[in-house]
Protein backbone atom coordinates (compact mmCIF):
# COMPACT_ATOMS: atom_id res chain seq x y z
CA UNK A 1 -42.59 -195.87 34.35
CA UNK A 2 -40.45 -194.78 31.33
CA UNK A 3 -38.48 -197.65 29.47
CA UNK A 4 -36.52 -195.42 27.68
CA UNK A 5 -32.52 -196.33 27.75
CA UNK A 6 -29.71 -193.94 28.84
CA UNK A 7 -27.17 -192.54 25.91
CA UNK A 8 -24.22 -193.28 26.05
CA UNK A 9 -23.48 -189.31 27.07
CA UNK A 10 -25.81 -189.89 30.23
CA UNK A 11 -24.35 -192.82 30.92
CA UNK A 12 -20.72 -191.21 30.68
CA UNK A 13 -22.18 -188.70 33.03
CA UNK A 14 -23.00 -191.20 35.97
CA UNK A 15 -20.89 -191.28 38.84
CA UNK A 16 -18.15 -193.53 38.54
CA UNK A 17 -19.84 -196.74 41.46
CA UNK A 18 -17.14 -197.08 43.92
CA UNK A 19 -14.79 -200.63 43.97
CA UNK A 20 -17.16 -201.63 46.45
CA UNK A 21 -19.61 -202.00 44.31
CA UNK A 22 -18.29 -203.82 41.73
CA UNK A 23 -17.74 -206.11 44.78
CA UNK A 24 -20.96 -206.61 45.26
CA UNK A 25 -22.84 -206.20 41.83
CA UNK A 26 -19.86 -209.82 41.26
CA UNK A 27 -20.46 -211.29 44.38
CA UNK A 28 -23.36 -213.59 43.60
CA UNK A 29 -25.58 -212.52 46.27
CA UNK A 30 -22.28 -212.31 49.08
CA UNK A 31 -20.96 -215.64 47.80
CA UNK A 32 -18.12 -214.70 45.58
CA UNK A 33 -15.28 -216.79 46.36
CA UNK A 34 -15.56 -216.92 50.55
CA UNK A 35 -15.70 -220.93 50.24
CA UNK A 36 -12.61 -221.64 47.85
CA UNK A 37 -10.33 -218.95 49.33
CA UNK A 38 -11.47 -219.70 53.28
CA UNK A 39 -10.68 -224.15 51.66
CA UNK A 40 -7.41 -222.98 50.47
CA UNK A 41 -4.94 -223.79 53.50
CA UNK A 42 -1.94 -221.79 51.92
CA UNK A 43 -3.82 -218.55 51.70
CA UNK A 44 -3.77 -216.87 55.08
CA UNK A 45 -5.56 -213.82 54.27
CA UNK A 46 -8.58 -213.23 51.65
CA UNK A 47 -8.70 -211.10 48.40
CA UNK A 48 -10.39 -207.63 48.03
CA UNK A 49 -13.47 -209.00 46.25
CA UNK A 50 -13.74 -211.39 49.59
CA UNK A 51 -12.72 -208.57 51.90
CA UNK A 52 -15.71 -206.60 50.77
CA UNK A 53 -18.48 -209.88 51.09
CA UNK A 54 -17.01 -210.72 54.33
CA UNK A 55 -18.23 -208.11 56.29
CA UNK A 56 -21.63 -209.10 55.03
CA UNK A 57 -20.96 -212.49 56.98
CA UNK A 58 -19.67 -210.49 59.96
CA UNK A 59 -16.32 -210.26 59.73
CA UNK A 60 -13.50 -208.27 59.24
CA UNK A 61 -9.99 -209.31 57.66
CA UNK A 62 -7.58 -207.57 60.09
CA UNK A 63 -3.65 -207.66 61.22
CA UNK A 64 -2.02 -207.76 63.94
CA UNK A 65 0.16 -204.26 64.37
CA UNK A 66 1.36 -205.12 67.22
CA UNK A 67 3.48 -207.67 65.47
CA UNK A 68 3.66 -205.69 62.24
CA UNK A 69 7.03 -203.96 63.52
CA UNK A 70 9.52 -207.29 63.95
CA UNK A 71 8.00 -209.13 61.35
CA UNK A 72 9.12 -206.72 58.53
CA UNK A 73 12.22 -206.43 60.27
CA UNK A 74 12.12 -210.66 59.82
CA UNK A 75 10.99 -210.44 55.88
CA UNK A 76 7.87 -211.38 57.30
CA UNK A 77 4.13 -210.29 55.43
CA UNK A 78 1.74 -209.40 57.89
CA UNK A 79 -0.04 -211.51 60.66
CA UNK A 80 -2.88 -211.80 59.22
CA UNK A 81 -6.34 -212.61 61.67
CA UNK A 82 -10.61 -211.71 61.80
CA UNK A 83 -12.67 -209.78 63.47
CA UNK A 84 -16.30 -211.87 64.39
CA UNK A 85 -19.09 -209.76 65.21
CA UNK A 86 -22.25 -210.73 66.74
CA UNK A 87 -25.72 -209.78 65.27
CA UNK A 88 -28.04 -209.75 68.94
CA UNK A 89 -30.85 -207.36 68.34
CA UNK A 90 -31.86 -205.62 71.96
CA UNK A 91 -28.70 -207.55 73.43
CA UNK A 92 -30.59 -210.48 74.23
CA UNK A 93 -28.75 -213.66 74.75
CA UNK A 94 -29.23 -217.28 76.90
CA UNK A 95 -27.48 -218.34 79.32
CA UNK A 96 -26.52 -221.19 77.34
CA UNK A 97 -26.05 -219.41 74.76
CA UNK A 98 -23.30 -216.70 76.12
CA UNK A 99 -21.91 -220.12 77.90
CA UNK A 100 -20.98 -220.71 74.58
CA UNK A 101 -19.83 -217.61 73.47
CA UNK A 102 -17.55 -217.44 76.44
CA UNK A 103 -16.02 -221.27 74.98
CA UNK A 104 -15.67 -220.40 71.59
CA UNK A 105 -13.41 -217.06 72.39
CA UNK A 106 -11.44 -219.38 74.79
CA UNK A 107 -11.16 -222.12 72.31
CA UNK A 108 -11.10 -219.83 69.03
CA UNK A 109 -9.91 -216.32 69.58
CA UNK A 110 -7.90 -214.41 71.70
CA UNK A 111 -9.79 -215.60 75.29
CA UNK A 112 -11.74 -212.08 75.63
CA UNK A 113 -15.43 -211.20 74.95
CA UNK A 114 -16.01 -208.15 73.94
CA UNK A 115 -19.26 -205.95 74.37
CA UNK A 116 -19.96 -203.55 71.16
CA UNK A 117 -21.36 -199.76 71.44
CA UNK A 118 -24.09 -201.72 69.79
CA UNK A 119 -24.96 -204.14 71.73
CA UNK A 120 -23.00 -207.46 70.48
CA UNK A 121 -19.87 -209.46 70.73
CA UNK A 122 -17.04 -209.66 68.72
CA UNK A 123 -14.74 -211.88 68.86
CA UNK A 124 -11.00 -210.84 68.59
CA UNK A 125 -7.70 -212.97 67.58
CA UNK A 126 -9.38 -215.39 64.95
CA UNK A 127 -6.92 -217.05 62.28
CA UNK A 128 -8.31 -217.83 59.36
CA UNK A 129 -8.30 -222.04 59.96
CA UNK A 130 -10.78 -221.32 62.99
CA UNK A 131 -13.38 -219.16 60.82
CA UNK A 132 -15.79 -221.62 59.96
CA UNK A 133 -15.80 -223.93 63.13
CA UNK A 134 -16.09 -220.90 65.30
CA UNK A 135 -19.45 -219.46 63.08
CA UNK A 136 -20.50 -223.07 63.41
CA UNK A 137 -20.17 -223.02 67.13
CA UNK A 138 -22.20 -219.83 67.04
CA UNK A 139 -25.51 -220.71 64.76
CA UNK A 140 -25.35 -224.12 66.36
CA UNK A 141 -26.56 -222.00 69.68
CA UNK A 142 -29.73 -220.42 67.44
CA UNK A 143 -27.50 -216.88 67.50
CA UNK A 144 -25.53 -215.67 63.99
CA UNK A 145 -23.84 -213.17 62.44
CA UNK A 146 -24.68 -212.62 59.83
CA UNK A 147 -25.12 -208.95 59.27
CA UNK A 148 -22.89 -207.82 61.88
CA UNK A 149 -21.01 -205.91 59.15
CA UNK A 150 -21.52 -204.74 55.67
CA UNK A 151 -23.67 -202.44 54.00
CA UNK A 152 -27.27 -204.16 55.29
CA UNK A 153 -29.19 -203.46 58.41
CA UNK A 154 -26.85 -203.61 61.51
CA UNK A 155 -27.39 -204.51 64.68
CA UNK A 156 -31.25 -203.34 65.85
CA UNK A 157 -30.79 -201.47 69.21
CA UNK A 158 -33.50 -201.49 72.75
CA UNK A 159 -33.30 -200.67 75.61
CA UNK A 160 -32.04 -204.28 77.61
CA UNK A 161 -33.43 -203.42 80.74
CA UNK A 162 -35.99 -206.30 81.29
CA UNK A 163 -38.61 -204.36 82.80
CA UNK A 164 -41.69 -206.30 82.68
CA UNK A 165 -44.15 -202.92 81.70
CA UNK A 166 -45.40 -202.42 79.05
CA UNK A 167 -43.22 -199.79 77.27
CA UNK A 168 -40.21 -201.75 77.84
CA UNK A 169 -41.94 -204.84 76.56
CA UNK A 170 -43.38 -203.37 73.19
CA UNK A 171 -39.79 -201.88 72.34
CA UNK A 172 -38.14 -204.83 72.75
CA UNK A 173 -40.95 -206.76 70.66
CA UNK A 174 -40.78 -204.15 68.17
CA UNK A 175 -36.83 -204.52 67.91
CA UNK A 176 -36.82 -208.03 67.45
CA UNK A 177 -39.47 -207.68 64.97
CA UNK A 178 -38.04 -205.34 62.74
CA UNK A 179 -34.12 -207.26 62.78
CA UNK A 180 -36.26 -209.98 61.81
CA UNK A 181 -37.48 -208.29 58.47
CA UNK A 182 -34.69 -206.68 57.01
CA UNK A 183 -32.56 -209.85 57.25
CA UNK A 184 -30.68 -210.47 54.19
CA UNK A 185 -32.81 -213.33 51.59
CA UNK A 186 -30.54 -214.43 49.25
CA UNK A 187 -27.49 -213.70 51.79
CA UNK A 188 -28.94 -216.27 54.22
CA UNK A 189 -28.73 -218.93 51.94
CA UNK A 190 -25.08 -218.05 50.58
CA UNK A 191 -24.11 -217.57 54.60
CA UNK A 192 -25.46 -221.17 54.83
CA UNK A 193 -23.43 -222.25 52.17
CA UNK A 194 -20.13 -221.07 52.96
CA UNK A 195 -20.03 -222.02 56.15
CA UNK A 196 -22.76 -224.25 57.08
CA UNK A 197 -21.40 -226.73 55.20
CA UNK A 198 -23.61 -226.17 52.50
CA UNK A 199 -26.53 -227.06 54.39
CA UNK A 200 -29.75 -225.42 52.85
CA UNK A 201 -32.73 -223.49 53.90
CA UNK A 202 -35.66 -225.05 53.37
CA UNK A 203 -37.90 -222.73 50.55
CA UNK A 204 -34.52 -220.45 49.78
CA UNK A 205 -34.86 -217.71 48.71
CA UNK A 206 -31.41 -218.59 46.49
CA UNK A 207 -30.81 -215.71 43.91
CA UNK A 208 -33.08 -212.48 45.03
CA UNK A 209 -33.42 -210.02 47.21
CA UNK A 210 -36.38 -208.21 47.47
CA UNK A 211 -35.44 -205.53 50.11
CA UNK A 212 -32.09 -204.61 49.48
CA UNK A 213 -31.50 -205.68 45.59
CA UNK A 214 -28.67 -207.34 44.25
CA UNK A 215 -25.94 -204.38 45.34
CA UNK A 216 -27.64 -204.64 48.76
CA UNK A 217 -27.20 -200.71 50.97
CA UNK A 218 -24.85 -197.87 49.62
CA UNK A 219 -23.20 -198.11 53.12
CA UNK A 220 -24.35 -199.51 56.36
CA UNK A 221 -28.11 -199.23 57.86
CA UNK A 222 -28.30 -198.30 61.94
CA UNK A 223 -31.59 -198.28 63.92
CA UNK A 224 -32.55 -198.11 67.69
CA UNK A 225 -35.21 -197.80 69.70
CA UNK A 226 -35.51 -196.08 72.79
CA UNK A 227 -37.74 -194.02 75.68
CA UNK A 228 -37.50 -190.03 76.54
CA UNK A 229 -36.79 -190.63 79.47
CA UNK A 230 -34.11 -193.47 78.89
CA UNK A 231 -31.80 -192.75 75.85
CA UNK A 232 -29.73 -195.43 76.51
CA UNK A 233 -29.47 -196.81 73.34
CA UNK A 234 -28.11 -192.88 71.71
CA UNK A 235 -31.34 -193.16 69.22
CA UNK A 236 -30.31 -189.88 68.00
CA UNK A 237 -26.79 -191.42 66.08
CA UNK A 238 -28.76 -193.86 64.62
CA UNK A 239 -29.91 -193.58 60.86
CA UNK A 240 -33.65 -194.71 61.79
CA UNK A 241 -34.65 -194.47 65.74
CA UNK A 242 -38.37 -195.06 67.13
CA UNK A 243 -38.48 -192.80 69.85
CA UNK A 244 -41.56 -194.02 72.24
CA UNK A 245 -44.61 -192.78 73.12
CA UNK A 246 -46.83 -193.34 75.58
CA UNK A 247 -49.91 -191.60 77.18
CA UNK A 248 -51.13 -192.05 80.76
CA UNK A 249 -48.05 -194.84 81.17
CA UNK A 250 -49.91 -196.42 78.17
CA UNK A 251 -47.59 -196.89 74.91
CA UNK A 252 -49.41 -195.15 71.32
CA UNK A 253 -46.61 -195.43 68.98
CA UNK A 254 -43.11 -193.69 68.31
CA UNK A 255 -42.16 -190.26 67.13
CA UNK A 256 -39.67 -191.25 63.67
CA UNK A 257 -36.59 -189.91 63.37
CA UNK A 258 -34.10 -190.40 60.13
CA UNK A 259 -30.52 -188.80 59.63
CA UNK A 260 -28.05 -189.35 62.43
CA UNK A 261 -24.77 -190.84 62.22
CA UNK A 262 -20.89 -190.27 63.54
CA UNK A 263 -18.11 -191.00 61.20
CA UNK A 264 -16.31 -188.16 59.32
CA UNK A 265 -12.73 -188.01 57.72
CA UNK A 266 -10.27 -185.89 58.11
CA UNK A 267 -9.42 -184.54 54.48
CA UNK A 268 -13.23 -183.97 53.49
CA UNK A 269 -14.66 -181.32 55.25
CA UNK A 270 -17.90 -182.00 53.19
CA UNK A 271 -18.26 -185.35 56.01
CA UNK A 272 -19.72 -184.90 59.60
CA UNK A 273 -21.59 -185.87 62.52
CA UNK A 274 -25.24 -185.27 62.46
CA UNK A 275 -28.22 -185.77 65.00
CA UNK A 276 -31.14 -187.94 63.63
CA UNK A 277 -34.39 -185.37 62.28
CA UNK A 278 -37.73 -186.05 63.40
CA UNK A 279 -40.26 -187.32 60.59
CA UNK A 280 -43.73 -187.96 62.14
CA UNK A 281 -45.28 -189.88 64.32
CA UNK A 282 -46.22 -194.04 63.25
CA UNK A 283 -48.59 -196.53 64.76
CA UNK A 284 -47.20 -200.15 66.17
CA UNK A 285 -48.94 -201.43 62.68
CA UNK A 286 -46.25 -199.35 60.47
CA UNK A 287 -43.37 -200.04 62.79
CA UNK A 288 -42.15 -202.86 59.99
CA UNK A 289 -43.44 -200.85 56.99
CA UNK A 290 -41.59 -197.44 58.35
CA UNK A 291 -38.48 -199.49 58.49
CA UNK A 292 -38.72 -201.04 55.18
CA UNK A 293 -39.71 -197.65 53.70
CA UNK A 294 -36.49 -195.90 54.92
CA UNK A 295 -34.51 -199.16 53.72
CA UNK A 296 -35.78 -198.58 50.64
CA UNK A 297 -35.52 -194.69 49.80
CA UNK A 298 -31.71 -195.27 51.30
CA UNK A 299 -30.55 -197.89 48.94
CA UNK A 300 -31.89 -196.11 45.71
CA UNK A 301 -30.91 -192.37 46.67
CA UNK A 302 -27.48 -193.16 49.03
CA UNK A 303 -24.38 -192.19 47.34
CA UNK A 304 -22.82 -195.21 45.59
CA UNK A 305 -19.82 -193.18 44.28
CA UNK A 306 -17.95 -191.71 47.60
CA UNK A 307 -18.24 -194.66 50.32
CA UNK A 308 -17.38 -191.43 52.83
CA UNK A 309 -20.87 -189.50 51.80
CA UNK A 310 -22.59 -192.75 51.53
CA UNK A 311 -24.99 -192.83 54.48
CA UNK A 312 -28.04 -191.87 55.16
CA UNK A 313 -27.51 -188.98 57.05
CA UNK A 314 -26.33 -187.01 53.76
CA UNK A 315 -29.03 -187.85 51.98
CA UNK A 316 -31.67 -185.68 54.73
CA UNK A 317 -29.40 -183.16 54.72
CA UNK A 318 -28.35 -182.60 51.02
CA UNK A 319 -32.01 -182.72 50.48
CA UNK A 320 -32.97 -180.77 54.07
CA UNK A 321 -35.44 -182.28 56.10
CA UNK A 322 -39.03 -181.39 55.01
CA UNK A 323 -38.33 -182.44 50.99
CA UNK A 324 -36.70 -185.64 52.98
CA UNK A 325 -40.12 -186.05 54.57
CA UNK A 326 -41.73 -185.68 51.59
CA UNK A 327 -39.62 -187.77 49.58
CA UNK A 328 -40.37 -191.22 52.44
CA UNK A 329 -44.00 -190.40 52.87
CA UNK A 330 -44.81 -189.65 49.01
CA UNK A 331 -42.97 -192.30 46.88
CA UNK A 332 -41.89 -195.26 50.18
CA UNK A 333 -44.32 -195.33 53.60
CA UNK A 334 -47.77 -195.34 52.15
CA UNK A 335 -49.03 -194.45 56.07
CA UNK A 336 -51.24 -191.40 56.89
CA UNK A 337 -48.99 -188.39 57.92
CA UNK A 338 -48.49 -187.22 61.30
CA UNK A 339 -46.65 -184.99 62.45
CA UNK A 340 -44.09 -185.76 65.86
CA UNK A 341 -45.46 -185.51 69.40
CA UNK A 342 -44.07 -183.64 71.68
CA UNK A 343 -42.06 -185.66 73.72
CA UNK A 344 -38.00 -184.43 74.70
CA UNK A 345 -35.07 -186.76 76.14
CA UNK A 346 -34.92 -186.37 79.61
CA UNK A 347 -32.75 -189.41 80.80
CA UNK A 348 -30.34 -191.98 79.86
CA UNK A 349 -29.84 -194.79 82.69
CA UNK A 350 -26.63 -197.31 82.27
CA UNK A 351 -29.42 -200.07 83.79
CA UNK A 352 -26.11 -200.67 86.53
CA UNK A 353 -26.45 -202.40 90.12
CA UNK A 354 -29.14 -204.07 91.17
CA UNK A 355 -32.80 -203.48 89.64
CA UNK A 356 -35.97 -205.04 89.75
CA UNK A 357 -38.12 -206.71 87.07
CA UNK A 358 -41.28 -206.11 88.21
CA UNK A 359 -41.75 -210.43 88.86
CA UNK A 360 -40.32 -210.47 92.08
CA UNK A 361 -36.66 -210.88 90.73
CA UNK A 362 -33.89 -209.06 89.60
CA UNK A 363 -31.16 -207.25 86.95
CA UNK A 364 -27.47 -206.69 87.64
CA UNK A 365 -25.95 -204.35 85.87
CA UNK A 366 -21.77 -205.21 85.82
CA UNK A 367 -19.58 -202.10 84.76
CA UNK A 368 -17.54 -203.95 82.10
CA UNK A 369 -14.45 -201.15 81.14
CA UNK A 370 -14.44 -200.61 77.29
CA UNK A 371 -16.62 -203.78 77.00
CA UNK A 372 -13.36 -206.23 77.35
CA UNK A 373 -14.74 -209.68 79.35
CA UNK A 374 -11.42 -211.04 80.35
CA UNK A 375 -9.14 -212.06 82.85
CA UNK A 376 -6.41 -209.95 83.89
CA UNK A 377 -4.76 -209.76 87.29
CA UNK A 378 -6.75 -209.42 90.27
CA UNK A 379 -9.91 -208.93 87.82
CA UNK A 380 -10.89 -212.31 86.82
CA UNK A 381 -14.24 -210.50 84.64
CA UNK A 382 -14.60 -213.49 82.19
CA UNK A 383 -14.48 -216.51 84.61
CA UNK A 384 -16.38 -214.61 86.93
CA UNK A 385 -19.20 -214.13 84.90
CA UNK A 386 -19.22 -217.97 83.73
CA UNK A 387 -19.16 -218.96 86.96
CA UNK A 388 -22.35 -216.20 87.71
CA UNK A 389 -24.36 -217.26 84.77
CA UNK A 390 -23.58 -220.54 84.65
CA UNK A 391 -24.22 -221.30 88.52
CA UNK A 392 -27.97 -219.61 89.20
CA UNK A 393 -28.96 -220.25 84.68
CA UNK A 394 -29.29 -216.60 84.07
CA UNK A 395 -30.12 -214.47 80.94
CA UNK A 396 -27.85 -212.26 79.38
CA UNK A 397 -27.89 -209.03 77.79
CA UNK A 398 -25.93 -205.78 76.20
CA UNK A 399 -25.83 -202.07 76.74
CA UNK A 400 -24.74 -200.10 74.41
CA UNK A 401 -22.61 -198.76 76.89
CA UNK A 402 -20.34 -201.81 76.81
CA UNK A 403 -22.14 -203.07 80.47
CA UNK A 404 -23.69 -206.50 81.20
CA UNK A 405 -27.17 -207.15 82.48
CA UNK A 406 -27.25 -210.26 84.45
CA UNK A 407 -31.21 -211.36 84.05
CA UNK A 408 -33.34 -213.08 86.66
CA UNK A 409 -31.62 -213.46 90.13
CA UNK A 410 -33.75 -214.21 92.76
CA UNK A 411 -34.36 -212.24 96.04
CA UNK A 412 -32.55 -215.25 97.64
CA UNK A 413 -29.87 -215.78 95.82
CA UNK A 414 -28.57 -212.15 95.36
CA UNK A 415 -26.13 -212.89 98.34
CA UNK A 416 -24.53 -215.54 96.72
CA UNK A 417 -24.02 -213.53 93.67
CA UNK A 418 -22.33 -210.72 95.71
CA UNK A 419 -19.84 -213.42 97.07
CA UNK A 420 -18.84 -214.25 93.56
CA UNK A 421 -18.23 -210.78 92.67
CA UNK A 422 -16.02 -209.86 95.08
CA UNK A 423 -14.50 -213.37 94.93
CA UNK A 424 -13.22 -212.86 91.09
CA UNK A 425 -12.58 -209.43 92.69
CA UNK A 426 -15.25 -207.96 90.33
CA UNK A 427 -15.95 -204.22 91.39
CA UNK A 428 -19.28 -203.01 92.49
CA UNK A 429 -20.60 -200.46 90.51
CA UNK A 430 -20.55 -198.45 93.98
CA UNK A 431 -16.98 -198.19 93.41
CA UNK A 432 -16.12 -197.43 90.61
CA UNK A 433 -15.44 -193.69 89.64
CA UNK A 434 -18.61 -192.21 88.04
CA UNK A 435 -16.15 -190.67 85.02
CA UNK A 436 -15.25 -194.55 84.61
CA UNK A 437 -18.67 -195.88 84.38
CA UNK A 438 -19.67 -193.16 81.83
CA UNK A 439 -16.60 -193.25 79.44
CA UNK A 440 -16.23 -195.61 76.41
CA UNK A 441 -13.99 -196.38 73.63
CA UNK A 442 -13.26 -198.38 70.46
CA UNK A 443 -11.20 -201.66 70.08
CA UNK A 444 -8.24 -199.69 67.83
CA UNK A 445 -5.06 -200.52 67.73
CA UNK A 446 -3.67 -203.31 67.40
CA UNK A 447 -6.56 -205.51 65.88
CA UNK A 448 -8.68 -202.38 64.12
CA UNK A 449 -7.11 -201.21 60.50
CA UNK A 450 -8.54 -198.01 60.52
CA UNK A 451 -7.12 -196.98 64.06
CA UNK A 452 -4.28 -194.15 63.98
CA UNK A 453 -3.83 -193.76 67.20
CA UNK A 454 -4.55 -196.24 70.49
CA UNK A 455 -8.40 -195.81 72.40
CA UNK A 456 -9.59 -199.15 74.11
CA UNK A 457 -5.51 -199.50 76.06
CA UNK A 458 -5.29 -195.54 76.07
CA UNK A 459 -8.74 -194.30 77.93
CA UNK A 460 -8.02 -195.88 81.25
CA UNK A 461 -4.94 -193.93 81.79
CA UNK A 462 -7.04 -190.42 81.18
CA UNK A 463 -9.92 -192.24 82.92
CA UNK A 464 -7.27 -192.55 86.00
CA UNK A 465 -6.21 -189.04 85.70
CA UNK A 466 -9.07 -187.71 85.84
CA UNK A 467 -11.02 -189.23 88.70
CA UNK A 468 -8.22 -187.67 90.15
CA UNK A 469 -9.02 -183.87 89.16
CA UNK A 470 -11.96 -184.29 89.18
CA UNK A 471 -12.09 -185.73 93.36
CA UNK A 472 -9.84 -182.65 93.89
CA UNK A 473 -12.10 -180.41 93.26
CA UNK A 474 -15.40 -181.85 94.95
CA UNK A 475 -16.74 -183.27 90.95
CA UNK A 476 -16.37 -187.29 91.44
CA UNK A 477 -20.04 -187.96 91.29
CA UNK A 478 -20.59 -185.54 88.38
CA UNK A 479 -21.86 -188.23 85.53
CA UNK A 480 -19.02 -186.70 82.73
CA UNK A 481 -19.25 -188.79 79.69
CA UNK A 482 -15.61 -189.47 78.12
CA UNK A 483 -15.75 -190.96 74.82
CA UNK A 484 -12.25 -192.30 72.88
CA UNK A 485 -11.73 -193.60 69.33
CA UNK A 486 -8.78 -194.50 67.31
CA UNK A 487 -9.60 -192.51 64.33
CA UNK A 488 -12.45 -190.11 63.29
CA UNK A 489 -15.37 -192.49 62.14
CA UNK A 490 -16.58 -192.69 65.84
CA UNK A 491 -17.37 -195.57 66.85
CA UNK A 492 -17.30 -195.11 70.76
CA UNK A 493 -19.87 -192.06 69.72
CA UNK A 494 -17.47 -189.59 70.58
CA UNK A 495 -19.11 -186.19 68.76
CA UNK A 496 -22.21 -186.97 71.48
CA UNK A 497 -20.09 -186.91 74.53
CA UNK A 498 -19.08 -184.42 76.54
CA UNK A 499 -16.10 -184.93 76.58
CA UNK A 500 -14.83 -186.67 73.21
CA UNK A 501 -11.14 -187.96 72.18
CA UNK A 502 -10.39 -188.43 68.61
CA UNK A 503 -7.52 -190.49 67.42
CA UNK A 504 -5.46 -188.03 64.86
CA UNK A 505 -2.32 -189.61 64.69
CA UNK A 506 0.61 -190.87 67.23
CA UNK A 507 -0.07 -189.83 70.61
CA UNK A 508 -2.57 -186.76 69.39
CA UNK A 509 -6.26 -186.25 70.16
CA UNK A 510 -8.76 -183.71 68.21
CA UNK A 511 -10.46 -183.09 71.95
CA UNK A 512 -14.17 -182.31 71.56
CA UNK A 513 -15.88 -180.35 74.14
CA UNK A 514 -20.04 -180.02 74.95
CA UNK A 515 -22.12 -182.88 74.16
CA UNK A 516 -25.03 -184.46 76.03
CA UNK A 517 -24.42 -186.81 78.67
CA UNK A 518 -27.96 -187.88 77.55
CA UNK A 519 -27.44 -188.09 73.90
CA UNK A 520 -29.85 -184.80 72.42
CA UNK A 521 -26.19 -182.48 71.44
CA UNK A 522 -23.10 -182.99 69.34
CA UNK A 523 -19.26 -181.87 70.81
CA UNK A 524 -18.22 -179.13 69.05
CA UNK A 525 -13.74 -179.57 67.94
CA UNK A 526 -11.96 -176.84 70.47
CA UNK A 527 -8.46 -177.98 70.25
CA UNK A 528 -6.77 -180.54 66.94
CA UNK A 529 -3.68 -182.48 67.67
CA UNK A 530 -3.51 -182.83 71.56
CA UNK A 531 -1.08 -185.23 72.99
CA UNK A 532 -2.59 -187.44 75.11
CA UNK A 533 -0.50 -186.17 78.34
CA UNK A 534 -1.72 -182.62 78.04
CA UNK A 535 -5.15 -183.50 77.88
CA UNK A 536 -5.90 -183.89 80.95
CA UNK A 537 -3.96 -181.17 82.36
CA UNK A 538 -5.30 -178.55 79.87
CA UNK A 539 -9.04 -180.16 80.95
CA UNK A 540 -8.80 -179.21 84.54
CA UNK A 541 -8.85 -175.64 83.98
CA UNK A 542 -12.22 -175.86 82.45
CA UNK A 543 -13.77 -178.32 85.09
CA UNK A 544 -12.03 -175.30 88.09
CA UNK A 545 -14.21 -173.42 85.65
CA UNK A 546 -17.64 -175.39 85.61
CA UNK A 547 -17.63 -175.69 89.31
CA UNK A 548 -17.17 -172.06 90.03
CA UNK A 549 -19.76 -171.00 87.54
CA UNK A 550 -22.21 -173.79 87.29
CA UNK A 551 -25.93 -172.46 87.02
CA UNK A 552 -27.25 -174.97 90.19
CA UNK A 553 -27.14 -178.75 89.11
CA UNK A 554 -26.50 -177.94 85.52
CA UNK A 555 -24.44 -180.79 83.45
CA UNK A 556 -20.79 -179.94 82.48
CA UNK A 557 -21.52 -180.14 78.84
CA UNK A 558 -24.76 -177.65 79.40
CA UNK A 559 -22.15 -175.41 81.29
CA UNK A 560 -20.09 -175.77 77.71
CA UNK A 561 -22.56 -175.01 75.82
CA UNK A 562 -24.21 -171.90 77.70
CA UNK A 563 -20.61 -170.27 77.98
CA UNK A 564 -19.94 -170.78 74.57
CA UNK A 565 -17.34 -172.08 72.41
CA UNK A 566 -14.76 -169.34 72.38
CA UNK A 567 -14.71 -168.96 76.03
CA UNK A 568 -14.42 -173.28 76.66
CA UNK A 569 -11.37 -172.94 74.00
CA UNK A 570 -9.87 -170.16 75.76
CA UNK A 571 -9.68 -171.93 78.79
CA UNK A 572 -8.53 -175.03 77.29
CA UNK A 573 -5.52 -173.89 75.61
CA UNK A 574 -4.81 -171.63 78.86
């Protein structure tokens, strides 16, 4: 390794680091002055540097945007609040942990729990004085929020179905191993100091991040595990994907994928969604080394000057897959280079309804519209889930489709569980419209500062209109995936769905069509800035053509891909 130092001219030619990189450099391994600012009761919000650092601790500073107009008229400042996101590898919680999270959202949040598209929970509407007690409550249950956000490895996804076969067990076990290996070290100590009253960890690595280094990663890093016949985690939307491979029913290893990601920026044509690409095949003892190697590669080669192009997907795309593979195997992953096995993705299971666990017990998948667990009107979802989990001591798992699995139900208890669902007005999956079960939305307004349109509050109305149109056409049973986001960042993965609705401003959306319900294909832009009231009437023309021209049991997205973008655009704009 060369020990030469750069000349002033060479140094000056280097791209200027983004402000967030400076915040990390000066942040003392994620400490910053968070403890001081949260102890200062005169402050209702954080400095810019601490706004960056608190993301690593699992939180975003937000404001109540519904209150913005009236507060502005009254000469008042912003109504600041915080969102807190758990880190739940594989979406797993015990019954006691779930009940504790339910308690915390009522005591310190807005009395809702929101299931994320990455198998976690978010607390919304948390006021600054409530941050520390909420986080302490989370940690008392042996859960954490560290790494729920920020420029580190985020929540690691795995198929949550608690089925006792070797394949399901292997991918969940490996998910937990990878999540543990990629947990920040010095950052964990800082987390304990800030939120847990200075509690010291045993044998702390106070000032060292062996994997991440002092500036952590250029941007977030996302990992998912999946199976060829059940891509319920949307593996190709992730920075790093593990697709488990079996021979004669026995798992033998993983196909490794790299470079997936959703977000783009309207004003930057060099940003775009991409699907992860196959890199190679690995054995089970190489799972953690592969994750560590990929993180190190991203740490060293990711863009630290332009955060909008700082994801691993751009490293893969700009470098080219073959050159990227050469770099990965040559410099970072010191294991044999093997070609991926032939294992196409063939399905995606929502895991709704009653399903056997393989041990005589059952799990029940409950559909949660847009992931929001709340009591509203006749649907007392939060109270009902609490009663069921509490009475039967059921462990819980969360899905990337924003649904919840109640696990470990004895056969004798199934009628009682169903009776409680009815008592609390919680619909069974069989009574819900197919299009609703396959729909997702991000929170957007009023909590997300990046949102430029509504999403969670608008999608239900769109779904009801779609249900009517599809029923009239005899297509109500089709699994058509619809995803809406309030901005182009793509948190609900709209660029892979058969219909993607991406906020453009006001009540207008960019409409994308032609993705794949199983997560294998990106969709394409059909029309920009479509008023929300025009979306379903325009889609109805495409649905009518689909019904008349589909080939056999062809899915809607596959039909759109087959007939071509020009025809779909013509139908939509007719």
